């Protein structure tokens, strides 16, 4: 019988890899209420550059946490929203926020 235990593996690290970094949790929070357009997200996260916001949105979409819907109209309209998978993170993020508040 082969032992598949890997002491270096930590399931929490996979989650942190998905939402880690300076901006992803903030973007997920902005999208937690409803779908938003790029400009709306950019206004709510004013210190992020447009380039970095685009990169972060692409990564979140590639990881299946958000969806991107492009409408066939001019000017081009694109909306970003949490996927069901992304929405499943909301209770976790709320728990982390509540945990942080306990230290005060």
N, C-alpha and C. Protein backbone atom coordinates (compact mmCIF):
# COMPACT_ATOMS: atom_id res chain seq x y z
N UNK A 1 0.85 -1.19 0.00
CA UNK A 1 0.00 0.00 0.00
C UNK A 1 0.89 1.25 0.00
N UNK A 2 0.62 2.12 -0.93
CA UNK A 2 1.44 3.32 -1.09
C UNK A 2 0.85 4.47 -0.26
N UNK A 3 1.71 5.16 0.44
CA UNK A 3 1.29 6.30 1.24
C UNK A 3 1.37 7.56 0.36
N UNK A 4 0.24 8.24 0.14
CA UNK A 4 0.19 9.44 -0.70
C UNK A 4 0.34 10.72 0.11
N UNK A 5 0.70 10.61 1.36
CA UNK A 5 0.83 11.80 2.21
C UNK A 5 2.02 12.63 1.77
N UNK A 6 1.78 13.90 1.58
CA UNK A 6 2.84 14.84 1.22
C UNK A 6 2.87 15.91 2.30
N UNK A 7 3.87 15.92 3.17
CA UNK A 7 3.89 16.88 4.27
C UNK A 7 3.99 18.33 3.81
N UNK A 8 4.42 18.56 2.58
CA UNK A 8 4.53 19.93 2.08
C UNK A 8 3.21 20.43 1.51
N UNK A 9 2.24 19.53 1.31
CA UNK A 9 0.96 19.93 0.72
C UNK A 9 0.04 20.49 1.80
N UNK A 10 -0.52 21.61 1.52
CA UNK A 10 -1.49 22.23 2.43
C UNK A 10 -2.66 22.71 1.58
N UNK A 11 -3.87 22.17 1.79
CA UNK A 11 -5.02 22.56 0.97
C UNK A 11 -5.30 24.06 1.01
N UNK A 12 -5.02 24.71 2.12
CA UNK A 12 -5.27 26.15 2.23
C UNK A 12 -4.40 26.93 1.25
N UNK A 13 -3.24 26.39 0.91
CA UNK A 13 -2.34 27.09 -0.01
C UNK A 13 -2.95 27.22 -1.41
N UNK A 14 -3.73 26.24 -1.81
CA UNK A 14 -4.40 26.33 -3.11
C UNK A 14 -5.38 27.49 -3.13
N UNK A 15 -6.12 27.66 -2.05
CA UNK A 15 -7.06 28.77 -1.94
C UNK A 15 -6.32 30.10 -1.93
N UNK A 16 -5.27 30.16 -1.16
CA UNK A 16 -4.49 31.40 -1.08
C UNK A 16 -3.89 31.73 -2.44
N UNK A 17 -3.48 30.72 -3.19
CA UNK A 17 -2.93 30.96 -4.53
C UNK A 17 -4.00 31.55 -5.45
N UNK A 18 -5.25 31.15 -5.28
CA UNK A 18 -6.34 31.68 -6.12
C UNK A 18 -6.67 33.13 -5.79
N UNK A 19 -6.68 33.46 -4.51
CA UNK A 19 -7.15 34.80 -4.11
C UNK A 19 -6.05 35.67 -3.56
N UNK A 20 -4.82 35.16 -3.56
CA UNK A 20 -3.71 35.90 -2.99
C UNK A 20 -3.33 37.11 -3.82
N UNK A 21 -2.50 37.92 -3.25
CA UNK A 21 -2.06 39.14 -3.92
C UNK A 21 -2.77 40.35 -3.34
N UNK A 22 -2.43 41.46 -3.87
CA UNK A 22 -2.91 42.73 -3.34
C UNK A 22 -4.35 43.04 -3.74
N UNK A 23 -4.80 42.59 -4.91
CA UNK A 23 -6.05 43.09 -5.47
C UNK A 23 -7.20 42.10 -5.57
N UNK A 24 -6.93 40.82 -5.63
CA UNK A 24 -7.99 39.86 -5.94
C UNK A 24 -9.12 39.86 -4.92
N UNK A 25 -8.80 39.87 -3.66
CA UNK A 25 -9.85 39.87 -2.63
C UNK A 25 -10.69 41.14 -2.73
N UNK A 26 -10.05 42.25 -3.00
CA UNK A 26 -10.78 43.52 -3.14
C UNK A 26 -11.72 43.45 -4.35
N UNK A 27 -11.24 42.93 -5.46
CA UNK A 27 -12.08 42.80 -6.66
C UNK A 27 -13.24 41.87 -6.38
N UNK A 28 -12.98 40.75 -5.72
CA UNK A 28 -14.06 39.82 -5.38
C UNK A 28 -15.09 40.49 -4.47
N UNK A 29 -14.62 41.30 -3.54
CA UNK A 29 -15.54 42.03 -2.66
C UNK A 29 -16.40 43.01 -3.47
N UNK A 30 -15.80 43.72 -4.39
CA UNK A 30 -16.53 44.67 -5.23
C UNK A 30 -17.61 43.95 -6.05
N UNK A 31 -17.30 42.76 -6.50
CA UNK A 31 -18.25 41.99 -7.31
C UNK A 31 -19.23 41.16 -6.48
N UNK A 32 -19.06 41.15 -5.16
CA UNK A 32 -19.90 40.30 -4.31
C UNK A 32 -21.36 40.73 -4.27
N UNK A 33 -21.63 41.98 -4.52
CA UNK A 33 -23.03 42.46 -4.47
C UNK A 33 -23.76 42.24 -5.78
N UNK A 34 -23.09 42.56 -6.90
CA UNK A 34 -23.70 42.37 -8.23
C UNK A 34 -22.65 42.57 -9.31
N UNK A 35 -23.03 42.25 -10.53
CA UNK A 35 -22.13 42.40 -11.67
C UNK A 35 -21.78 43.88 -11.87
N UNK A 36 -20.57 44.10 -12.34
CA UNK A 36 -20.11 45.47 -12.58
C UNK A 36 -19.29 45.53 -13.86
N UNK A 37 -19.31 46.71 -14.45
CA UNK A 37 -18.49 46.97 -15.62
C UNK A 37 -17.07 47.32 -15.17
N UNK A 38 -16.15 47.25 -16.13
CA UNK A 38 -14.74 47.51 -15.84
C UNK A 38 -14.56 48.86 -15.15
N UNK A 39 -15.17 49.90 -15.70
CA UNK A 39 -15.04 51.24 -15.14
C UNK A 39 -15.57 51.34 -13.72
N UNK A 40 -16.65 50.62 -13.43
CA UNK A 40 -17.21 50.63 -12.07
C UNK A 40 -16.24 49.99 -11.08
N UNK A 41 -15.60 48.91 -11.51
CA UNK A 41 -14.62 48.25 -10.65
C UNK A 41 -13.43 49.18 -10.43
N UNK A 42 -12.98 49.81 -11.52
CA UNK A 42 -11.83 50.71 -11.45
C UNK A 42 -12.09 51.89 -10.51
N UNK A 43 -13.30 52.41 -10.50
CA UNK A 43 -13.65 53.52 -9.61
C UNK A 43 -13.63 53.08 -8.15
N UNK A 44 -14.08 51.85 -7.89
CA UNK A 44 -14.14 51.35 -6.51
C UNK A 44 -12.78 50.87 -5.99
N UNK A 45 -11.83 50.69 -6.89
CA UNK A 45 -10.46 50.34 -6.51
C UNK A 45 -9.55 51.37 -7.18
N UNK A 46 -9.58 52.62 -6.72
CA UNK A 46 -8.92 53.70 -7.45
C UNK A 46 -7.40 53.61 -7.54
N UNK A 47 -6.76 52.93 -6.62
CA UNK A 47 -5.29 52.90 -6.65
C UNK A 47 -4.72 51.82 -7.56
N UNK A 48 -5.58 51.03 -8.22
CA UNK A 48 -5.11 50.00 -9.14
C UNK A 48 -5.02 50.58 -10.55
N UNK A 49 -3.98 50.23 -11.26
CA UNK A 49 -3.87 50.71 -12.64
C UNK A 49 -4.80 49.88 -13.53
N UNK A 50 -5.16 50.43 -14.66
CA UNK A 50 -6.04 49.73 -15.60
C UNK A 50 -5.38 48.44 -16.10
N UNK A 51 -4.08 48.49 -16.31
CA UNK A 51 -3.34 47.32 -16.78
C UNK A 51 -3.40 46.19 -15.74
N UNK A 52 -3.14 46.51 -14.50
CA UNK A 52 -3.15 45.51 -13.43
C UNK A 52 -4.56 44.99 -13.21
N UNK A 53 -5.56 45.88 -13.27
CA UNK A 53 -6.94 45.45 -13.12
C UNK A 53 -7.30 44.45 -14.21
N UNK A 54 -6.92 44.75 -15.43
CA UNK A 54 -7.18 43.83 -16.55
C UNK A 54 -6.52 42.47 -16.29
N UNK A 55 -5.27 42.49 -15.86
CA UNK A 55 -4.55 41.24 -15.57
C UNK A 55 -5.24 40.44 -14.47
N UNK A 56 -5.64 41.13 -13.41
CA UNK A 56 -6.28 40.44 -12.29
C UNK A 56 -7.64 39.86 -12.69
N UNK A 57 -8.40 40.61 -13.47
CA UNK A 57 -9.69 40.11 -13.94
C UNK A 57 -9.51 38.87 -14.82
N UNK A 58 -8.51 38.90 -15.66
CA UNK A 58 -8.22 37.73 -16.53
C UNK A 58 -7.84 36.52 -15.70
N UNK A 59 -7.03 36.72 -14.68
CA UNK A 59 -6.63 35.60 -13.82
C UNK A 59 -7.83 35.04 -13.06
N UNK A 60 -8.66 35.93 -12.51
CA UNK A 60 -9.84 35.47 -11.79
C UNK A 60 -10.80 34.73 -12.71
N UNK A 61 -10.91 35.19 -13.95
CA UNK A 61 -11.76 34.51 -14.92
C UNK A 61 -11.17 33.14 -15.28
N UNK A 62 -9.87 33.08 -15.51
CA UNK A 62 -9.20 31.82 -15.85
C UNK A 62 -9.33 30.80 -14.72
N UNK A 63 -9.37 31.28 -13.49
CA UNK A 63 -9.51 30.39 -12.33
C UNK A 63 -10.96 30.03 -12.05
N UNK A 64 -11.89 30.60 -12.83
CA UNK A 64 -13.30 30.25 -12.68
C UNK A 64 -14.02 30.97 -11.56
N UNK A 65 -13.41 32.03 -11.01
CA UNK A 65 -14.04 32.76 -9.91
C UNK A 65 -14.98 33.85 -10.39
N UNK A 66 -14.72 34.40 -11.57
CA UNK A 66 -15.61 35.41 -12.14
C UNK A 66 -15.91 35.05 -13.59
N UNK A 67 -16.99 35.64 -14.08
CA UNK A 67 -17.35 35.47 -15.49
C UNK A 67 -17.30 36.83 -16.17
N UNK A 68 -17.08 36.79 -17.45
CA UNK A 68 -17.02 38.00 -18.26
C UNK A 68 -18.08 37.88 -19.33
N UNK A 69 -18.99 38.84 -19.37
CA UNK A 69 -20.07 38.83 -20.36
C UNK A 69 -19.93 40.06 -21.24
N UNK A 70 -19.76 39.83 -22.53
CA UNK A 70 -19.62 40.92 -23.49
C UNK A 70 -20.93 41.06 -24.26
N UNK A 71 -21.47 42.27 -24.26
CA UNK A 71 -22.71 42.56 -24.97
C UNK A 71 -22.39 43.03 -26.38
N UNK A 72 -23.26 42.70 -27.32
CA UNK A 72 -23.07 43.10 -28.72
C UNK A 72 -23.73 44.45 -28.94
N UNK A 73 -23.05 45.47 -28.49
CA UNK A 73 -23.53 46.83 -28.67
C UNK A 73 -22.33 47.76 -28.73
N UNK A 74 -22.56 48.95 -29.21
CA UNK A 74 -21.52 49.97 -29.25
C UNK A 74 -21.99 51.17 -28.44
N UNK A 75 -21.19 51.75 -27.60
CA UNK A 75 -19.85 51.30 -27.27
C UNK A 75 -19.89 49.93 -26.59
N UNK A 76 -18.78 49.23 -26.70
CA UNK A 76 -18.70 47.88 -26.16
C UNK A 76 -18.99 47.87 -24.66
N UNK A 77 -19.81 46.94 -24.27
CA UNK A 77 -20.17 46.80 -22.86
C UNK A 77 -19.76 45.41 -22.38
N UNK A 78 -18.98 45.37 -21.33
CA UNK A 78 -18.52 44.12 -20.74
C UNK A 78 -18.83 44.17 -19.26
N UNK A 79 -19.43 43.11 -18.73
CA UNK A 79 -19.72 43.02 -17.30
C UNK A 79 -18.99 41.83 -16.70
N UNK A 80 -18.56 42.02 -15.48
CA UNK A 80 -17.92 40.97 -14.71
C UNK A 80 -18.80 40.63 -13.53
N UNK A 81 -18.91 39.34 -13.23
CA UNK A 81 -19.72 38.89 -12.11
C UNK A 81 -19.07 37.67 -11.49
N UNK A 82 -19.40 37.42 -10.24
CA UNK A 82 -18.92 36.21 -9.59
C UNK A 82 -19.62 35.00 -10.20
N UNK A 83 -18.88 33.94 -10.37
CA UNK A 83 -19.48 32.67 -10.76
C UNK A 83 -20.01 32.02 -9.48
N UNK A 84 -20.67 30.89 -9.64
CA UNK A 84 -21.13 30.15 -8.46
C UNK A 84 -19.93 29.76 -7.59
N UNK A 85 -18.85 29.38 -8.25
CA UNK A 85 -17.61 29.04 -7.55
C UNK A 85 -17.08 30.26 -6.80
N UNK A 86 -17.09 31.42 -7.43
CA UNK A 86 -16.65 32.65 -6.79
C UNK A 86 -17.55 33.04 -5.63
N UNK A 87 -18.85 32.87 -5.81
CA UNK A 87 -19.80 33.18 -4.72
C UNK A 87 -19.57 32.30 -3.51
N UNK A 88 -19.09 31.08 -3.75
CA UNK A 88 -18.84 30.18 -2.61
C UNK A 88 -17.72 30.69 -1.72
N UNK A 89 -16.92 31.64 -2.21
CA UNK A 89 -15.86 32.25 -1.39
C UNK A 89 -16.38 33.33 -0.46
N UNK A 90 -17.54 33.89 -0.75
CA UNK A 90 -18.06 35.02 0.05
C UNK A 90 -18.17 34.71 1.54
N UNK A 91 -18.72 33.55 1.95
CA UNK A 91 -18.75 33.27 3.39
C UNK A 91 -17.36 33.16 4.00
N UNK A 92 -16.42 32.62 3.26
CA UNK A 92 -15.05 32.51 3.74
C UNK A 92 -14.45 33.90 3.95
N UNK A 93 -14.64 34.78 2.97
CA UNK A 93 -14.11 36.14 3.09
C UNK A 93 -14.77 36.89 4.24
N UNK A 94 -16.08 36.68 4.44
CA UNK A 94 -16.78 37.31 5.56
C UNK A 94 -16.24 36.78 6.89
N UNK A 95 -15.97 35.48 6.94
CA UNK A 95 -15.41 34.88 8.14
C UNK A 95 -14.03 35.45 8.44
N UNK A 96 -13.21 35.60 7.42
CA UNK A 96 -11.86 36.17 7.61
C UNK A 96 -11.97 37.61 8.12
N UNK A 97 -12.89 38.38 7.55
CA UNK A 97 -13.09 39.76 8.01
C UNK A 97 -13.54 39.79 9.47
N UNK A 98 -14.46 38.91 9.84
CA UNK A 98 -14.95 38.86 11.22
C UNK A 98 -13.83 38.42 12.17
N UNK A 99 -13.02 37.47 11.72
CA UNK A 99 -11.89 37.02 12.52
C UNK A 99 -10.93 38.16 12.80
N UNK A 100 -10.68 38.99 11.80
CA UNK A 100 -9.78 40.12 11.94
C UNK A 100 -10.34 41.14 12.93
N UNK A 101 -11.65 41.32 12.92
CA UNK A 101 -12.29 42.29 13.82
C UNK A 101 -12.19 41.84 15.29
N UNK A 102 -12.10 40.55 15.53
CA UNK A 102 -12.02 40.02 16.90
C UNK A 102 -10.77 40.46 17.64
N UNK A 103 -9.71 40.74 16.91
CA UNK A 103 -8.45 41.09 17.57
C UNK A 103 -8.50 42.48 18.19
N UNK A 104 -9.45 43.28 17.76
CA UNK A 104 -9.52 44.67 18.24
C UNK A 104 -10.16 44.74 19.59
